[in-house]
C-alpha atoms as a PDB file:
ATOM      1  CA  LEU A   1     -23.801 -56.736 -41.618  1.00  0.00           C
ATOM      2  CA  ALA A   2     -27.461 -57.652 -41.280  1.00  0.00           C
ATOM      3  CA  GLU A   3     -28.386 -55.059 -43.909  1.00  0.00           C
ATOM      4  CA  SER A   4     -25.709 -56.440 -46.212  1.00  0.00           C
ATOM      5  CA  GLU A   5     -27.255 -59.889 -45.983  1.00  0.00           C
ATOM      6  CA  LYS A   6     -30.574 -58.478 -47.194  1.00  0.00           C
ATOM      7  CA  GLN A   7     -29.041 -57.160 -50.427  1.00  0.00           C
ATOM      8  CA  SER A   8     -29.653 -58.961 -53.667  1.00  0.00           C
ATOM      9  CA  PRO A   9     -26.718 -60.786 -55.282  1.00  0.00           C
ATOM     10  CA  GLU A  10     -26.780 -58.135 -58.013  1.00  0.00           C
ATOM     11  CA  ARG A  11     -26.468 -55.333 -55.458  1.00  0.00           C
ATOM     12  CA  LYS A  12     -23.654 -57.137 -53.616  1.00  0.00           C
ATOM     13  CA  LEU A  13     -21.748 -57.555 -56.878  1.00  0.00           C
ATOM     14  CA  LYS A  14     -22.234 -53.889 -57.725  1.00  0.00           C
ATOM     15  CA  ASN A  15     -20.869 -52.907 -54.296  1.00  0.00           C
ATOM     16  CA  GLN A  16     -17.835 -55.150 -54.753  1.00  0.00           C
ATOM     17  CA  LEU A  17     -17.173 -53.677 -58.206  1.00  0.00           C
ATOM     18  CA  LEU A  18     -17.405 -50.191 -56.722  1.00  0.00           C
ATOM     19  CA  SER A  19     -14.945 -51.131 -53.990  1.00  0.00           C
ATOM     20  CA  ILE A  20     -12.374 -52.021 -56.676  1.00  0.00           C
ATOM     21  CA  GLN A  21     -13.032 -48.715 -58.387  1.00  0.00           C
ATOM     22  CA  TYR A  22     -12.456 -46.917 -55.054  1.00  0.00           C
ATOM     23  CA  LEU A  23      -9.224 -48.869 -54.652  1.00  0.00           C
ATOM     24  CA  MET A  24      -8.146 -47.616 -58.086  1.00  0.00           C
ATOM     25  CA  GLN A  25      -8.968 -44.040 -57.128  1.00  0.00           C
ATOM     26  CA  ASP A  26      -7.070 -44.358 -53.840  1.00  0.00           C
ATOM     27  CA  TYR A  27      -4.083 -45.727 -55.710  1.00  0.00           C
ATOM     28  CA  ILE A  28      -4.069 -42.766 -58.090  1.00  0.00           C
ATOM     29  CA  GLU A  29      -4.287 -40.283 -55.238  1.00  0.00           C
ATOM     30  CA  GLN A  30      -1.456 -41.794 -53.170  1.00  0.00           C
ATOM     31  CA  GLU A  31       1.482 -39.449 -52.843  1.00  0.00           C
ATOM     32  CA  ARG A  32       3.998 -42.270 -52.649  1.00  0.00           C
ATOM     33  CA  ILE A  33       3.424 -45.723 -54.061  1.00  0.00           C
ATOM     34  CA  GLU A  34       4.286 -48.464 -51.592  1.00  0.00           C
ATOM     35  CA  ARG A  35       3.445 -51.248 -53.995  1.00  0.00           C
ATOM     36  CA  GLU A  36       3.024 -50.557 -57.683  1.00  0.00           C
ATOM     37  CA  MET A  37      -0.161 -51.904 -59.158  1.00  0.00           C
ATOM     38  CA  ARG A  38      -0.383 -52.322 -62.891  1.00  0.00           C
ATOM     39  CA  ILE A  39      -3.506 -52.114 -64.996  1.00  0.00           C
ATOM     40  CA  LEU A  40      -3.335 -55.911 -65.019  1.00  0.00           C
ATOM     41  CA  ASP A  41      -3.594 -56.071 -61.217  1.00  0.00           C
ATOM     42  CA  PHE A  42      -6.806 -54.066 -61.199  1.00  0.00           C
ATOM     43  CA  VAL A  43      -8.285 -55.964 -64.147  1.00  0.00           C
ATOM     44  CA  LYS A  44      -7.507 -59.245 -62.382  1.00  0.00           C
ATOM     45  CA  LEU A  45      -9.428 -58.048 -59.320  1.00  0.00           C
ATOM     46  CA  PHE A  46     -12.460 -57.377 -61.508  1.00  0.00           C
ATOM     47  CA  LEU A  47     -12.116 -60.644 -63.426  1.00  0.00           C
ATOM     48  CA  THR A  48     -11.756 -62.703 -60.252  1.00  0.00           C
ATOM     49  CA  LEU A  49     -14.882 -61.118 -58.848  1.00  0.00           C
ATOM     50  CA  LEU A  50     -16.783 -61.706 -62.098  1.00  0.00           C
ATOM     51  CA  LYS A  51     -15.348 -65.232 -62.471  1.00  0.00           C
ATOM     52  CA  ILE A  52     -14.082 -64.464 -65.973  1.00  0.00           C
ATOM     53  CA  SER A  53     -10.700 -65.493 -67.348  1.00  0.00           C
ATOM     54  CA  GLN A  54      -8.350 -63.080 -69.042  1.00  0.00           C
ATOM     55  CA  LYS A  55      -8.540 -65.247 -72.138  1.00  0.00           C
ATOM     56  CA  ASP A  56     -12.341 -64.975 -72.181  1.00  0.00           C
ATOM     57  CA  LEU A  57     -12.042 -61.217 -71.815  1.00  0.00           C
ATOM     58  CA  ALA A  58      -9.627 -61.053 -74.748  1.00  0.00           C
ATOM     59  CA  THR A  59     -12.014 -63.095 -76.863  1.00  0.00           C
ATOM     60  CA  TYR A  60     -14.896 -60.836 -75.825  1.00  0.00           C
ATOM     61  CA  PHE A  61     -12.775 -57.797 -76.774  1.00  0.00           C
ATOM     62  CA  GLU A  62     -12.089 -59.446 -80.161  1.00  0.00           C
ATOM     63  CA  MET A  63      -8.333 -59.649 -79.694  1.00  0.00           C
ATOM     64  CA  LYS A  64      -5.614 -62.144 -78.918  1.00  0.00           C
ATOM     65  CA  ASP A  65      -4.939 -62.886 -75.272  1.00  0.00           C
ATOM     66  CA  SER A  66      -1.240 -62.082 -75.776  1.00  0.00           C
ATOM     67  CA  ASN A  67      -2.077 -58.628 -77.173  1.00  0.00           C
ATOM     68  CA  LEU A  68      -4.420 -57.821 -74.307  1.00  0.00           C
ATOM     69  CA  TYR A  69      -1.780 -58.977 -71.834  1.00  0.00           C
ATOM     70  CA  LYS A  70       0.784 -56.561 -73.314  1.00  0.00           C
ATOM     71  CA  TYR A  71      -1.593 -53.642 -72.758  1.00  0.00           C
ATOM     72  CA  LEU A  72      -2.477 -54.734 -69.249  1.00  0.00           C
ATOM     73  CA  THR A  73       1.148 -55.169 -68.156  1.00  0.00           C
ATOM     74  CA  GLY A  74       2.271 -51.859 -69.623  1.00  0.00           C
ATOM     75  CA  GLU A  75       4.455 -53.392 -72.328  1.00  0.00           C
ATOM     76  CA  ARG A  76       2.218 -51.479 -74.740  1.00  0.00           C
ATOM     77  CA  LYS A  77       0.647 -48.148 -73.880  1.00  0.00           C
ATOM     78  CA  LEU A  78      -3.093 -48.040 -73.510  1.00  0.00           C
ATOM     79  CA  ASN A  79      -5.000 -46.691 -76.475  1.00  0.00           C
ATOM     80  CA  PRO A  80      -8.556 -45.343 -76.654  1.00  0.00           C
ATOM     81  CA  ASP A  81      -9.920 -48.630 -78.007  1.00  0.00           C
ATOM     82  CA  ILE A  82      -8.660 -50.689 -75.047  1.00  0.00           C
ATOM     83  CA  VAL A  83      -9.562 -47.998 -72.522  1.00  0.00           C
ATOM     84  CA  LEU A  84     -13.120 -47.691 -73.788  1.00  0.00           C
ATOM     85  CA  LYS A  85     -13.579 -51.450 -73.850  1.00  0.00           C
ATOM     86  CA  LEU A  86     -12.371 -51.717 -70.246  1.00  0.00           C
ATOM     87  CA  SER A  87     -14.463 -48.731 -69.203  1.00  0.00           C
ATOM     88  CA  TYR A  88     -17.712 -49.948 -70.668  1.00  0.00           C
ATOM     89  CA  PHE A  89     -17.145 -53.550 -69.664  1.00  0.00           C
ATOM     90  CA  LEU A  90     -16.291 -52.680 -66.050  1.00  0.00           C
ATOM     91  CA  ASN A  91     -18.442 -49.537 -65.717  1.00  0.00           C
ATOM     92  CA  THR A  92     -15.477 -47.339 -64.859  1.00  0.00           C
ATOM     93  CA  PRO A  93     -14.549 -43.889 -66.108  1.00  0.00           C
ATOM     94  CA  PRO A  94     -12.047 -44.053 -68.997  1.00  0.00           C
ATOM     95  CA  GLU A  95      -9.781 -41.495 -67.338  1.00  0.00           C
ATOM     96  CA  ILE A  96      -9.035 -43.785 -64.428  1.00  0.00           C
ATOM     97  CA  TRP A  97      -7.181 -46.258 -66.653  1.00  0.00           C
ATOM     98  CA  TYR A  98      -4.994 -43.556 -68.193  1.00  0.00           C
ATOM     99  CA  ARG A  99      -4.322 -42.013 -64.785  1.00  0.00           C
ATOM    100  CA  ILE A 100      -3.043 -45.333 -63.440  1.00  0.00           C
ATOM    101  CA  GLN A 101      -0.783 -45.735 -66.463  1.00  0.00           C
ATOM    102  CA  ILE A 102       0.601 -42.198 -66.121  1.00  0.00           C
ATOM    103  CA  LYS A 103       1.073 -42.503 -62.358  1.00  0.00           C
ATOM    104  CA  ASN A 104       3.123 -45.654 -62.844  1.00  0.00           C
ATOM    105  CA  GLU A 105       5.210 -44.111 -65.639  1.00  0.00           C
ATOM    106  CA  LEU A 106       5.997 -41.037 -63.538  1.00  0.00           C
ATOM    107  CA  ASP A 107       6.802 -43.168 -60.508  1.00  0.00           C
ATOM    108  CA  GLU A 108       9.258 -45.215 -62.571  1.00  0.00           C
ATOM    109  CA  LEU A 109      10.877 -42.001 -63.785  1.00  0.00           C
ATOM    110  CA  ARG A 110      11.195 -40.684 -60.223  1.00  0.00           C
ATOM    111  CA  LYS A 111      12.917 -43.915 -59.193  1.00  0.00           C
ATOM    112  CA  GLU A 112      15.569 -43.283 -61.818  1.00  0.00           C
ATOM    113  CA  LYS A 113      16.824 -40.032 -60.300  1.00  0.00           C
ATOM    114  CA  THR A 114      19.314 -39.246 -63.064  1.00  0.00           C
ATOM    115  CA  LYS A 115      16.630 -39.378 -65.739  1.00  0.00           C
ATOM    116  CA  PHE A 116      14.265 -37.296 -63.621  1.00  0.00           C
ATOM    117  CA  GLU A 117      16.906 -34.690 -62.739  1.00  0.00           C
ATOM    118  CA  LYS A 118      17.634 -33.866 -66.370  1.00  0.00           C
ATOM    119  CA  TYR A 119      14.165 -32.348 -66.741  1.00  0.00           C
ATOM    120  CA  LYS A 120      14.628 -29.810 -63.959  1.00  0.00           C
ATOM    121  CA  LYS A 121      16.543 -27.572 -66.337  1.00  0.00           C
ATOM    122  CA  TYR A 122      13.299 -26.833 -68.187  1.00  0.00           C
ATOM    123  CA  ASP A 123      11.964 -24.501 -65.493  1.00  0.00           C
ATOM    124  CA  TYR A 124      10.387 -21.402 -67.103  1.00  0.00           C
ATOM    125  CA  LYS A 125      12.067 -19.166 -64.498  1.00  0.00           C
ATOM    126  CA  LYS A 126      15.471 -19.995 -65.939  1.00  0.00           C
ATOM    127  CA  LEU A 127      14.353 -18.920 -69.405  1.00  0.00           C
ATOM    128  CA  ILE A 128      12.807 -15.604 -68.420  1.00  0.00           C
ATOM    129  CA  SER A 129      15.563 -14.645 -65.963  1.00  0.00           C
ATOM    130  CA  GLY A 130      18.299 -15.376 -68.534  1.00  0.00           C
END
């Protein structure tokens, strides 16, 4: 704690930003999701820490706040433009944003057992044994 107090405000901020990135990585690696976190939830953590509003971020990204919100909530799928803007702005790897999106999509599919079950018929063993 004493060493932490000696750190510059810049270093403290960097550590806090890294802690959010570690939280994102932990979320991706969880076998079972207890509480789903959307892209929006992680972005809000960063924005709160940086004291930036979502509207200001949208303006900075040269887009409407409502459009950005649709990407962050999952109403629209992430695209390379949004991912790269988030990645460079927040100093995170681009892959992490896609991995969160995919994890959430697969988790939703698993929750709907009937939809998930229909894909089991596509096992290669059934094709080559037939």
